[in-house]
Amino acid sequence: MTDLDTWLAAQNDSSTKCGYVAIVGRPNVGKSTLLNRILGQKISITSRKPQTTRHQILGIKTEGDVQVVYVDTPGLHIDQADKAINRYMNKAATSALKHVDLVIFMVDRTRWNEADEHVYEKVKAANCPVILAINKIDILDDKQSLLPYLQEVQQRLPNAVLVPIAAHTGASVEQLEQCVLDQLPNGRHFFPEDQVTDRSARFITA
């Protein structure tokens, strides 16, 4: 067996699972809140103010033989031509979709709008499985309104797995993580098991 064959065999090691998962969505949909909830600590800044997340931030969760590398992306903006910062963040978020094994597409309750449609077009072009996370169900005034909305979004992304969640309270986040695990590829871990992010302590403190 050549060195290349050995390397390829190691990458496809069936005893461990590892993959990159992009969390995408329009601004202020709860992407950073979800990442912090999954990791059990605050890695990505959260705020009601748009444009808070301006970088791709890796959140790494390793449990036993499974390592998930979450990519918290900036919110995708429609008005990218108006502001240089929006163009920069759109580029960062879009590039993340090209290099991941799985996408978590987050939307807000039953409020599908033009911004969601913009993200949807990007997600459709991604050549990987998609989990559609319907966030903030804990603050729905009418829980019955969720069912027709689920049917609507399922028609848009018929191959996606739908998971209603509340990232702020943690409701159904474990179910979401299980869906990620089910679709994660086999492979060696990329990071040490005690590493939780690629960012420095100074960045996190800031």
N, C-alpha and C. Protein backbone atom coordinates (compact mmCIF):
# COMPACT_ATOMS: atom_id res chain seq x y z
N MET A 1 0.85 -1.20 0.00
CA MET A 1 0.00 0.00 0.00
C MET A 1 0.89 1.26 0.00
N THR A 2 0.58 2.20 -0.89
CA THR A 2 1.37 3.42 -0.98
C THR A 2 1.03 4.37 0.16
N ASP A 3 1.88 5.41 0.31
CA ASP A 3 1.62 6.40 1.35
C ASP A 3 0.28 7.08 1.13
N LEU A 4 -0.07 7.33 -0.15
CA LEU A 4 -1.35 7.96 -0.46
C LEU A 4 -2.51 7.06 -0.06
N ASP A 5 -2.39 5.77 -0.34
CA ASP A 5 -3.44 4.82 0.03
C ASP A 5 -3.62 4.77 1.54
N THR A 6 -2.51 4.81 2.25
CA THR A 6 -2.56 4.80 3.71
C THR A 6 -3.26 6.03 4.24
N TRP A 7 -2.94 7.19 3.65
CA TRP A 7 -3.56 8.45 4.09
C TRP A 7 -5.06 8.42 3.82
N LEU A 8 -5.46 7.97 2.61
CA LEU A 8 -6.87 7.92 2.27
C LEU A 8 -7.64 6.96 3.17
N ALA A 9 -7.03 5.84 3.49
CA ALA A 9 -7.67 4.88 4.37
C ALA A 9 -7.89 5.47 5.75
N ALA A 10 -6.92 6.26 6.21
CA ALA A 10 -7.02 6.89 7.52
C ALA A 10 -8.14 7.92 7.55
N GLN A 11 -8.29 8.67 6.44
CA GLN A 11 -9.33 9.69 6.38
C GLN A 11 -10.72 9.07 6.42
N ASN A 12 -10.84 7.84 5.93
CA ASN A 12 -12.12 7.16 5.89
C ASN A 12 -12.26 6.13 7.01
N ASP A 13 -11.50 6.33 8.07
CA ASP A 13 -11.53 5.42 9.21
C ASP A 13 -12.97 5.30 9.73
N SER A 14 -13.51 4.08 9.66
CA SER A 14 -14.90 3.87 10.05
C SER A 14 -15.10 3.86 11.56
N SER A 15 -14.02 3.88 12.33
CA SER A 15 -14.15 3.84 13.78
C SER A 15 -14.41 5.21 14.39
N THR A 16 -14.18 6.27 13.61
CA THR A 16 -14.43 7.63 14.10
C THR A 16 -15.22 8.42 13.06
N LYS A 17 -15.89 9.47 13.53
CA LYS A 17 -16.63 10.37 12.65
C LYS A 17 -16.14 11.79 12.86
N CYS A 18 -16.05 12.53 11.76
CA CYS A 18 -15.62 13.93 11.86
C CYS A 18 -16.08 14.67 10.61
N GLY A 19 -16.52 15.91 10.78
CA GLY A 19 -16.92 16.70 9.63
C GLY A 19 -17.17 18.15 9.99
N TYR A 20 -17.20 18.98 8.95
CA TYR A 20 -17.47 20.41 9.10
C TYR A 20 -18.95 20.67 8.84
N VAL A 21 -19.55 21.48 9.71
CA VAL A 21 -20.98 21.79 9.61
C VAL A 21 -21.14 23.31 9.64
N ALA A 22 -21.65 23.88 8.56
CA ALA A 22 -21.87 25.33 8.50
C ALA A 22 -23.25 25.67 9.05
N ILE A 23 -23.29 26.69 9.92
CA ILE A 23 -24.56 27.21 10.41
C ILE A 23 -24.82 28.51 9.67
N VAL A 24 -25.85 28.52 8.81
CA VAL A 24 -26.11 29.69 7.98
C VAL A 24 -27.54 30.18 8.17
N GLY A 25 -27.76 31.43 7.80
CA GLY A 25 -29.08 32.02 7.91
C GLY A 25 -28.97 33.52 7.80
N ARG A 26 -30.11 34.18 7.78
CA ARG A 26 -30.10 35.64 7.72
C ARG A 26 -29.63 36.20 9.07
N PRO A 27 -29.32 37.50 9.12
CA PRO A 27 -28.84 38.08 10.37
C PRO A 27 -29.86 37.94 11.51
N ASN A 28 -29.36 37.75 12.71
CA ASN A 28 -30.17 37.71 13.93
C ASN A 28 -31.19 36.57 13.98
N VAL A 29 -30.86 35.45 13.35
CA VAL A 29 -31.78 34.32 13.39
C VAL A 29 -31.43 33.37 14.53
N GLY A 30 -30.25 33.55 15.14
CA GLY A 30 -29.88 32.73 16.28
C GLY A 30 -28.73 31.78 16.06
N LYS A 31 -27.91 32.04 15.05
CA LYS A 31 -26.81 31.12 14.71
C LYS A 31 -25.78 31.02 15.83
N SER A 32 -25.35 32.17 16.33
CA SER A 32 -24.34 32.18 17.39
C SER A 32 -24.90 31.61 18.69
N THR A 33 -26.16 31.89 18.96
CA THR A 33 -26.81 31.33 20.15
C THR A 33 -26.83 29.81 20.08
N LEU A 34 -27.11 29.28 18.91
CA LEU A 34 -27.13 27.83 18.74
C LEU A 34 -25.74 27.24 18.96
N LEU A 35 -24.72 27.86 18.38
CA LEU A 35 -23.37 27.35 18.54
C LEU A 35 -22.96 27.35 20.02
N ASN A 36 -23.24 28.43 20.72
CA ASN A 36 -22.89 28.50 22.13
C ASN A 36 -23.64 27.45 22.94
N ARG A 37 -24.88 27.20 22.58
CA ARG A 37 -25.69 26.19 23.27
C ARG A 37 -25.10 24.80 23.06
N ILE A 38 -24.72 24.50 21.83
CA ILE A 38 -24.17 23.18 21.52
C ILE A 38 -22.86 22.95 22.26
N LEU A 39 -22.02 23.98 22.32
CA LEU A 39 -20.71 23.85 22.94
C LEU A 39 -20.77 23.95 24.46
N GLY A 40 -21.86 24.52 24.98
CA GLY A 40 -21.98 24.67 26.42
C GLY A 40 -21.16 25.81 26.98
N GLN A 41 -20.70 26.68 26.12
CA GLN A 41 -19.97 27.87 26.56
C GLN A 41 -20.03 28.93 25.47
N LYS A 42 -19.74 30.18 25.85
CA LYS A 42 -19.87 31.29 24.91
C LYS A 42 -18.60 31.45 24.09
N ILE A 43 -18.66 30.99 22.86
CA ILE A 43 -17.55 31.13 21.92
C ILE A 43 -17.83 32.26 20.94
N SER A 44 -19.08 32.32 20.48
CA SER A 44 -19.47 33.30 19.47
C SER A 44 -20.34 34.38 20.11
N ILE A 45 -20.06 35.65 19.81
CA ILE A 45 -20.80 36.75 20.41
C ILE A 45 -22.24 36.76 19.93
N THR A 46 -23.16 37.07 20.87
CA THR A 46 -24.57 37.17 20.52
C THR A 46 -25.06 38.57 20.87
N SER A 47 -25.95 39.08 20.02
CA SER A 47 -26.48 40.42 20.23
C SER A 47 -27.71 40.59 19.36
N ARG A 48 -28.60 41.47 19.76
CA ARG A 48 -29.76 41.80 18.93
C ARG A 48 -29.37 42.71 17.76
N LYS A 49 -28.17 43.27 17.86
CA LYS A 49 -27.71 44.17 16.81
C LYS A 49 -27.21 43.37 15.61
N PRO A 50 -27.68 43.66 14.39
CA PRO A 50 -27.19 42.96 13.20
C PRO A 50 -25.69 43.15 13.02
N GLN A 51 -25.08 42.23 12.28
CA GLN A 51 -23.66 42.28 11.90
C GLN A 51 -22.71 42.02 13.07
N THR A 52 -23.23 41.40 14.15
CA THR A 52 -22.38 41.13 15.31
C THR A 52 -21.29 40.14 14.96
N THR A 53 -21.66 39.04 14.30
CA THR A 53 -20.67 38.04 13.88
C THR A 53 -20.10 38.46 12.54
N ARG A 54 -18.83 38.83 12.53
CA ARG A 54 -18.20 39.32 11.30
C ARG A 54 -17.14 38.36 10.79
N HIS A 55 -16.94 37.26 11.47
CA HIS A 55 -15.93 36.30 11.07
C HIS A 55 -16.53 34.90 11.06
N GLN A 56 -15.87 33.99 10.36
CA GLN A 56 -16.20 32.58 10.50
C GLN A 56 -15.55 32.10 11.79
N ILE A 57 -16.35 31.55 12.67
CA ILE A 57 -15.82 31.07 13.94
C ILE A 57 -16.06 29.57 14.04
N LEU A 58 -15.00 28.84 14.31
CA LEU A 58 -15.11 27.40 14.45
C LEU A 58 -15.41 27.05 15.90
N GLY A 59 -16.43 26.23 16.09
CA GLY A 59 -16.73 25.66 17.39
C GLY A 59 -16.59 24.16 17.28
N ILE A 60 -15.74 23.56 18.10
CA ILE A 60 -15.39 22.16 17.97
C ILE A 60 -15.97 21.37 19.14
N LYS A 61 -16.76 20.36 18.83
CA LYS A 61 -17.33 19.52 19.89
C LYS A 61 -16.90 18.08 19.64
N THR A 62 -16.18 17.52 20.60
CA THR A 62 -15.69 16.15 20.50
C THR A 62 -16.27 15.33 21.64
N GLU A 63 -16.94 14.27 21.29
CA GLU A 63 -17.47 13.33 22.28
C GLU A 63 -17.14 11.92 21.83
N GLY A 64 -16.21 11.28 22.51
CA GLY A 64 -15.82 9.93 22.15
C GLY A 64 -15.23 9.87 20.76
N ASP A 65 -15.85 9.07 19.91
CA ASP A 65 -15.35 8.87 18.56
C ASP A 65 -15.88 9.89 17.55
N VAL A 66 -16.63 10.87 18.02
CA VAL A 66 -17.28 11.83 17.12
C VAL A 66 -16.75 13.24 17.37
N GLN A 67 -16.34 13.91 16.31
CA GLN A 67 -15.93 15.31 16.39
C GLN A 67 -16.69 16.11 15.33
N VAL A 68 -17.41 17.12 15.78
CA VAL A 68 -18.14 18.00 14.87
C VAL A 68 -17.50 19.38 14.90
N VAL A 69 -17.13 19.89 13.74
CA VAL A 69 -16.52 21.22 13.64
C VAL A 69 -17.57 22.16 13.06
N TYR A 70 -18.20 22.94 13.94
CA TYR A 70 -19.25 23.87 13.53
C TYR A 70 -18.63 25.18 13.05
N VAL A 71 -19.16 25.71 11.96
CA VAL A 71 -18.70 26.98 11.41
C VAL A 71 -19.84 27.99 11.57
N ASP A 72 -19.67 28.90 12.52
CA ASP A 72 -20.66 29.96 12.73
C ASP A 72 -20.36 31.08 11.74
N THR A 73 -21.24 31.27 10.78
CA THR A 73 -20.98 32.23 9.71
C THR A 73 -21.71 33.55 9.95
N PRO A 74 -21.22 34.64 9.38
CA PRO A 74 -21.97 35.90 9.43
C PRO A 74 -23.31 35.75 8.73
N GLY A 75 -24.30 36.53 9.14
CA GLY A 75 -25.59 36.50 8.47
C GLY A 75 -25.48 36.99 7.04
N LEU A 76 -26.19 36.33 6.15
CA LEU A 76 -26.19 36.74 4.74
C LEU A 76 -27.14 37.91 4.53
N HIS A 77 -26.64 38.96 3.92
CA HIS A 77 -27.41 40.20 3.72
C HIS A 77 -27.85 40.34 2.27
N ILE A 78 -29.05 40.88 2.10
CA ILE A 78 -29.55 41.18 0.75
C ILE A 78 -28.88 42.43 0.20
N ASP A 79 -28.74 43.44 1.09
CA ASP A 79 -28.20 44.74 0.64
C ASP A 79 -26.69 44.73 0.61
N GLN A 80 -26.10 43.68 0.02
CA GLN A 80 -24.66 43.57 0.03
C GLN A 80 -23.97 44.67 -0.79
N ALA A 81 -24.65 45.22 -1.75
CA ALA A 81 -24.03 46.25 -2.58
C ALA A 81 -23.94 47.59 -1.86
N ASP A 82 -24.71 47.75 -0.76
CA ASP A 82 -24.77 49.05 -0.09
C ASP A 82 -23.61 49.28 0.86
N LYS A 83 -23.09 48.21 1.46
CA LYS A 83 -22.05 48.36 2.46
C LYS A 83 -20.92 47.37 2.21
N ALA A 84 -19.71 47.86 2.34
CA ALA A 84 -18.55 46.99 2.14
C ALA A 84 -18.53 45.86 3.16
N ILE A 85 -18.94 46.15 4.41
CA ILE A 85 -18.92 45.12 5.45
C ILE A 85 -19.90 44.01 5.11
N ASN A 86 -21.04 44.35 4.50
CA ASN A 86 -22.00 43.33 4.09
C ASN A 86 -21.44 42.46 2.99
N ARG A 87 -20.72 43.06 2.05
CA ARG A 87 -20.10 42.28 0.97
C ARG A 87 -19.08 41.32 1.54
N TYR A 88 -18.31 41.80 2.50
CA TYR A 88 -17.29 40.96 3.13
C TYR A 88 -17.93 39.78 3.86
N MET A 89 -18.99 40.05 4.63
CA MET A 89 -19.62 38.99 5.41
C MET A 89 -20.35 38.00 4.52
N ASN A 90 -20.97 38.49 3.45
CA ASN A 90 -21.61 37.58 2.50
C ASN A 90 -20.59 36.64 1.86
N LYS A 91 -19.44 37.19 1.53
CA LYS A 91 -18.38 36.38 0.92
C LYS A 91 -17.91 35.31 1.89
N ALA A 92 -17.76 35.68 3.16
CA ALA A 92 -17.31 34.73 4.17
C ALA A 92 -18.32 33.62 4.37
N ALA A 93 -19.60 33.98 4.44
CA ALA A 93 -20.65 32.99 4.65
C ALA A 93 -20.80 32.07 3.45
N THR A 94 -20.75 32.65 2.25
CA THR A 94 -20.91 31.85 1.04
C THR A 94 -19.75 30.89 0.85
N SER A 95 -18.54 31.35 1.15
CA SER A 95 -17.37 30.48 0.97
C SER A 95 -17.43 29.28 1.90
N ALA A 96 -18.04 29.46 3.07
CA ALA A 96 -18.13 28.36 4.03
C ALA A 96 -18.98 27.21 3.48
N LEU A 97 -19.95 27.54 2.64
CA LEU A 97 -20.82 26.51 2.09
C LEU A 97 -20.10 25.61 1.10
N LYS A 98 -18.96 26.05 0.60
CA LYS A 98 -18.24 25.27 -0.40
C LYS A 98 -17.32 24.22 0.21
N HIS A 99 -17.13 24.28 1.51
CA HIS A 99 -16.11 23.43 2.11
C HIS A 99 -16.60 22.71 3.36
N VAL A 100 -17.89 22.38 3.39
CA VAL A 100 -18.43 21.69 4.55
C VAL A 100 -19.10 20.38 4.13
N ASP A 101 -19.33 19.53 5.12
CA ASP A 101 -19.98 18.24 4.88
C ASP A 101 -21.48 18.29 5.09
N LEU A 102 -21.93 19.34 5.78
CA LEU A 102 -23.34 19.44 6.16
C LEU A 102 -23.67 20.91 6.42
N VAL A 103 -24.93 21.29 6.14
CA VAL A 103 -25.37 22.67 6.38
C VAL A 103 -26.56 22.66 7.33
N ILE A 104 -26.49 23.50 8.36
CA ILE A 104 -27.67 23.80 9.17
C ILE A 104 -28.18 25.16 8.72
N PHE A 105 -29.35 25.17 8.09
CA PHE A 105 -29.97 26.39 7.60
C PHE A 105 -31.01 26.82 8.63
N MET A 106 -30.77 27.96 9.28
CA MET A 106 -31.65 28.42 10.34
C MET A 106 -32.62 29.47 9.84
N VAL A 107 -33.89 29.30 10.23
CA VAL A 107 -34.92 30.30 9.94
C VAL A 107 -35.66 30.61 11.25
N ASP A 108 -36.41 31.69 11.24
CA ASP A 108 -37.06 32.18 12.45
C ASP A 108 -38.56 31.87 12.42
N ARG A 109 -38.97 30.90 13.21
CA ARG A 109 -40.39 30.55 13.39
C ARG A 109 -41.12 30.47 12.05
N THR A 110 -42.20 31.21 11.91
CA THR A 110 -43.00 31.15 10.68
C THR A 110 -42.78 32.39 9.83
N ARG A 111 -41.63 33.02 9.97
CA ARG A 111 -41.38 34.29 9.27
C ARG A 111 -40.38 34.09 8.13
N TRP A 112 -40.80 33.49 7.06
CA TRP A 112 -39.95 33.36 5.87
C TRP A 112 -40.05 34.66 5.08
N ASN A 113 -38.94 35.32 4.88
CA ASN A 113 -38.98 36.59 4.17
C ASN A 113 -37.95 36.61 3.03
N GLU A 114 -37.75 37.78 2.48
CA GLU A 114 -36.84 37.92 1.34
C GLU A 114 -35.41 37.55 1.71
N ALA A 115 -35.02 37.86 2.94
CA ALA A 115 -33.67 37.52 3.38
C ALA A 115 -33.48 36.01 3.47
N ASP A 116 -34.51 35.29 3.95
CA ASP A 116 -34.44 33.83 3.98
C ASP A 116 -34.35 33.26 2.57
N GLU A 117 -35.07 33.88 1.66
CA GLU A 117 -35.04 33.43 0.27
C GLU A 117 -33.64 33.58 -0.32
N HIS A 118 -32.97 34.65 0.06
CA HIS A 118 -31.60 34.90 -0.40
C HIS A 118 -30.66 33.79 0.09
N VAL A 119 -30.80 33.43 1.36
CA VAL A 119 -29.97 32.35 1.92
C VAL A 119 -30.33 31.02 1.27
N TYR A 120 -31.62 30.81 1.08
CA TYR A 120 -32.12 29.58 0.47
C TYR A 120 -31.47 29.32 -0.89
N GLU A 121 -31.32 30.36 -1.69
CA GLU A 121 -30.70 30.20 -3.01
C GLU A 121 -29.24 29.76 -2.87
N LYS A 122 -28.56 30.26 -1.85
CA LYS A 122 -27.17 29.85 -1.60
C LYS A 122 -27.10 28.40 -1.14
N VAL A 123 -28.01 28.03 -0.26
CA VAL A 123 -28.03 26.68 0.30
C VAL A 123 -28.34 25.65 -0.78
N LYS A 124 -29.24 26.01 -1.69
CA LYS A 124 -29.59 25.08 -2.77
C LYS A 124 -28.37 24.70 -3.60
N ALA A 125 -27.44 25.63 -3.73
CA ALA A 125 -26.26 25.40 -4.55
C ALA A 125 -25.19 24.58 -3.82
N ALA A 126 -25.35 24.41 -2.52
CA ALA A 126 -24.37 23.64 -1.74
C ALA A 126 -24.56 22.16 -2.02
N ASN A 127 -23.49 21.50 -2.31
CA ASN A 127 -23.55 20.07 -2.66
C ASN A 127 -23.34 19.20 -1.43
N CYS A 128 -24.27 19.31 -0.46
CA CYS A 128 -24.17 18.52 0.75
C CYS A 128 -25.54 18.46 1.42
N PRO A 129 -25.73 17.54 2.39
CA PRO A 129 -27.02 17.45 3.09
C PRO A 129 -27.35 18.73 3.85
N VAL A 130 -28.65 18.96 4.05
CA VAL A 130 -29.12 20.17 4.72
C VAL A 130 -30.07 19.80 5.86
N ILE A 131 -29.85 20.42 7.01
CA ILE A 131 -30.81 20.36 8.11
C ILE A 131 -31.44 21.74 8.24
N LEU A 132 -32.75 21.81 8.21
CA LEU A 132 -33.45 23.09 8.32
C LEU A 132 -33.91 23.24 9.77
N ALA A 133 -33.28 24.14 10.50
CA ALA A 133 -33.60 24.37 11.91
C ALA A 133 -34.54 25.56 12.03
N ILE A 134 -35.78 25.30 12.44
CA ILE A 134 -36.76 26.38 12.64
C ILE A 134 -36.62 26.85 14.07
N ASN A 135 -36.03 28.03 14.27
CA ASN A 135 -35.66 28.49 15.60
C ASN A 135 -36.74 29.36 16.25
N LYS A 136 -36.61 29.54 17.55
CA LYS A 136 -37.44 30.41 18.38
C LYS A 136 -38.88 29.93 18.50
N ILE A 137 -39.07 28.61 18.46
CA ILE A 137 -40.43 28.09 18.59
C ILE A 137 -40.97 28.30 20.00
N ASP A 138 -40.08 28.62 20.95
CA ASP A 138 -40.52 28.84 22.32
C ASP A 138 -41.31 30.14 22.47
N ILE A 139 -41.17 31.04 21.51
CA ILE A 139 -41.90 32.31 21.61
C ILE A 139 -42.98 32.43 20.53
N LEU A 140 -43.42 31.30 20.01
CA LEU A 140 -44.53 31.30 19.07
C LEU A 140 -45.83 31.60 19.81
N ASP A 141 -46.59 32.56 19.32
CA ASP A 141 -47.88 32.86 19.93
C ASP A 141 -48.89 31.75 19.68
N ASP A 142 -48.84 31.20 18.48
CA ASP A 142 -49.77 30.15 18.09
C ASP A 142 -48.99 28.94 17.59
N LYS A 143 -48.87 27.93 18.42
CA LYS A 143 -48.10 26.75 18.06
C LYS A 143 -48.69 26.03 16.85
N GLN A 144 -50.01 26.17 16.64
CA GLN A 144 -50.66 25.51 15.52
C GLN A 144 -50.20 26.07 14.17
N SER A 145 -49.71 27.30 14.19
CA SER A 145 -49.27 27.93 12.93
C SER A 145 -47.99 27.31 12.41
N LEU A 146 -47.32 26.51 13.23
CA LEU A 146 -46.04 25.93 12.82
C LEU A 146 -46.20 24.84 11.77
N LEU A 147 -47.27 24.04 11.88
CA LEU A 147 -47.45 22.90 10.98
C LEU A 147 -47.54 23.30 9.51
N PRO A 148 -48.41 24.23 9.12
CA PRO A 148 -48.44 24.63 7.69
C PRO A 148 -47.12 25.24 7.23
N TYR A 149 -46.42 25.91 8.15
CA TYR A 149 -45.13 26.49 7.79
C TYR A 149 -44.11 25.38 7.53
N LEU A 150 -44.12 24.35 8.36
CA LEU A 150 -43.22 23.21 8.14
C LEU A 150 -43.48 22.57 6.78
N GLN A 151 -44.74 22.46 6.44
CA GLN A 151 -45.09 21.88 5.14
C GLN A 151 -44.60 22.76 3.99
N GLU A 152 -44.68 24.07 4.18
CA GLU A 152 -44.23 25.01 3.15
C GLU A 152 -42.72 24.91 2.92
N VAL A 153 -41.96 24.92 4.01
CA VAL A 153 -40.51 24.90 3.85
C VAL A 153 -40.01 23.53 3.40
N GLN A 154 -40.77 22.48 3.75
CA GLN A 154 -40.38 21.15 3.29
C GLN A 154 -40.50 21.05 1.77
N GLN A 155 -41.48 21.76 1.21
CA GLN A 155 -41.62 21.79 -0.25
C GLN A 155 -40.45 22.52 -0.90
N ARG A 156 -39.92 23.51 -0.23
CA ARG A 156 -38.78 24.25 -0.78
C ARG A 156 -37.52 23.39 -0.76
N LEU A 157 -37.33 22.65 0.33
CA LEU A 157 -36.16 21.80 0.49
C LEU A 157 -36.61 20.38 0.82
N PRO A 158 -37.09 19.66 -0.18
CA PRO A 158 -37.70 18.34 0.07
C PRO A 158 -36.75 17.32 0.66
N ASN A 159 -35.45 17.48 0.44
CA ASN A 159 -34.48 16.51 0.96
C ASN A 159 -33.90 16.91 2.31
N ALA A 160 -34.30 18.06 2.81
CA ALA A 160 -33.76 18.53 4.09
C ALA A 160 -34.47 17.86 5.25
N VAL A 161 -33.75 17.73 6.36
CA VAL A 161 -34.34 17.26 7.61
C VAL A 161 -34.80 18.48 8.40
N LEU A 162 -36.07 18.50 8.81
CA LEU A 162 -36.63 19.64 9.52
C LEU A 162 -36.60 19.38 11.03
N VAL A 163 -36.07 20.36 11.77
CA VAL A 163 -36.01 20.24 13.23
C VAL A 163 -36.41 21.58 13.86
N PRO A 164 -37.61 21.68 14.43
CA PRO A 164 -37.99 22.89 15.18
C PRO A 164 -37.21 22.94 16.49
N ILE A 165 -36.60 24.07 16.80
CA ILE A 165 -35.76 24.19 18.00
C ILE A 165 -35.99 25.53 18.69
N ALA A 166 -35.43 25.63 19.89
CA ALA A 166 -35.32 26.91 20.60
C ALA A 166 -33.89 26.99 21.09
N ALA A 167 -33.04 27.64 20.34
CA ALA A 167 -31.61 27.70 20.69
C ALA A 167 -31.39 28.38 22.02
N HIS A 168 -32.23 29.36 22.35
CA HIS A 168 -32.04 30.12 23.59
C HIS A 168 -32.27 29.25 24.83
N THR A 169 -33.28 28.38 24.78
CA THR A 169 -33.60 27.52 25.93
C THR A 169 -32.98 26.13 25.81
N GLY A 170 -32.57 25.77 24.59
CA GLY A 170 -32.01 24.44 24.36
C GLY A 170 -33.02 23.40 23.94
N ALA A 171 -34.28 23.79 23.79
CA ALA A 171 -35.31 22.83 23.42
C ALA A 171 -35.02 22.21 22.06
N SER A 172 -34.96 20.89 22.02
CA SER A 172 -34.76 20.07 20.81
C SER A 172 -33.38 20.25 20.17
N VAL A 173 -32.46 20.92 20.87
CA VAL A 173 -31.10 21.06 20.32
C VAL A 173 -30.40 19.70 20.29
N GLU A 174 -30.65 18.86 21.28
CA GLU A 174 -30.06 17.52 21.27
C GLU A 174 -30.56 16.72 20.07
N GLN A 175 -31.82 16.89 19.73
CA GLN A 175 -32.37 16.22 18.54
C GLN A 175 -31.65 16.71 17.27
N LEU A 176 -31.39 18.02 17.22
CA LEU A 176 -30.66 18.59 16.09
C LEU A 176 -29.26 17.99 16.01
N GLU A 177 -28.58 17.89 17.14
CA GLU A 177 -27.24 17.32 17.16
C GLU A 177 -27.25 15.86 16.70
N GLN A 178 -28.29 15.13 17.05
CA GLN A 178 -28.38 13.74 16.62
C GLN A 178 -28.54 13.66 15.11
N CYS A 179 -29.29 14.60 14.53
CA CYS A 179 -29.44 14.65 13.08
C CYS A 179 -28.09 14.93 12.41
N VAL A 180 -27.30 15.79 13.03
CA VAL A 180 -25.95 16.07 12.53
C VAL A 180 -25.11 14.80 12.58
N LEU A 181 -25.15 14.11 13.71
CA LEU A 181 -24.38 12.87 13.88
C LEU A 181 -24.76 11.83 12.84
N ASP A 182 -26.05 11.72 12.57
CA ASP A 182 -26.53 10.71 11.61
C ASP A 182 -25.97 10.93 10.21
N GLN A 183 -25.65 12.18 9.87
CA GLN A 183 -25.20 12.49 8.52
C GLN A 183 -23.71 12.84 8.44
N LEU A 184 -23.02 12.70 9.56
CA LEU A 184 -21.60 13.04 9.59
C LEU A 184 -20.78 11.92 8.93
N PRO A 185 -19.79 12.27 8.12
CA PRO A 185 -18.99 11.23 7.45
C PRO A 185 -17.99 10.58 8.41
N ASN A 186 -17.54 9.39 8.04
CA ASN A 186 -16.47 8.73 8.78
C ASN A 186 -15.15 9.45 8.49
N GLY A 187 -14.27 9.48 9.45
CA GLY A 187 -12.97 10.11 9.23
C GLY A 187 -12.26 10.41 10.52
N ARG A 188 -10.99 10.72 10.40
CA ARG A 188 -10.17 11.05 11.57
C ARG A 188 -10.51 12.44 12.08
N HIS A 189 -10.30 12.65 13.37
CA HIS A 189 -10.53 13.95 13.97
C HIS A 189 -9.47 14.94 13.51
N PHE A 190 -9.90 16.19 13.30
CA PHE A 190 -8.99 17.23 12.83
C PHE A 190 -8.30 17.97 13.98
N PHE A 191 -8.92 17.97 15.16
CA PHE A 191 -8.42 18.76 16.28
C PHE A 191 -8.28 17.90 17.53
N PRO A 192 -7.43 18.33 18.48
CA PRO A 192 -7.34 17.63 19.77
C PRO A 192 -8.70 17.63 20.47
N GLU A 193 -8.97 16.59 21.25
CA GLU A 193 -10.29 16.43 21.83
C GLU A 193 -10.65 17.52 22.84
N ASP A 194 -9.65 18.24 23.39
CA ASP A 194 -9.94 19.28 24.36
C ASP A 194 -10.02 20.68 23.75
N GLN A 195 -9.87 20.78 22.43
CA GLN A 195 -9.94 22.08 21.77
C GLN A 195 -11.39 22.38 21.40
N VAL A 196 -11.88 23.59 21.73
CA VAL A 196 -13.28 23.93 21.47
C VAL A 196 -13.45 25.01 20.40
N THR A 197 -12.35 25.66 20.01
CA THR A 197 -12.45 26.67 18.95
C THR A 197 -11.07 26.91 18.35
N ASP A 198 -11.08 27.52 17.17
CA ASP A 198 -9.81 27.87 16.52
C ASP A 198 -9.40 29.29 16.91
N ARG A 199 -10.22 29.96 17.68
CA ARG A 199 -9.94 31.35 18.05
C ARG A 199 -9.09 31.42 19.33
N SER A 200 -8.35 32.50 19.45
CA SER A 200 -7.47 32.68 20.61
C SER A 200 -8.30 33.07 21.83
N ALA A 201 -7.70 32.91 23.00
CA ALA A 201 -8.36 33.33 24.24
C ALA A 201 -8.63 34.84 24.21
N ARG A 202 -7.73 35.59 23.60
CA ARG A 202 -7.91 37.04 23.51
C ARG A 202 -9.13 37.39 22.66
N PHE A 203 -9.33 36.65 21.55
CA PHE A 203 -10.48 36.89 20.68
C PHE A 203 -11.78 36.61 21.44
N ILE A 204 -11.82 35.49 22.16
CA ILE A 204 -13.02 35.12 22.88
C ILE A 204 -13.33 36.12 23.98
N THR A 205 -12.28 36.56 24.69
CA THR A 205 -12.45 37.55 25.75
C THR A 205 -13.00 38.86 25.20
N ALA A 206 -12.50 39.26 24.03
CA ALA A 206 -12.97 40.50 23.40
C ALA A 206 -14.44 40.38 23.01
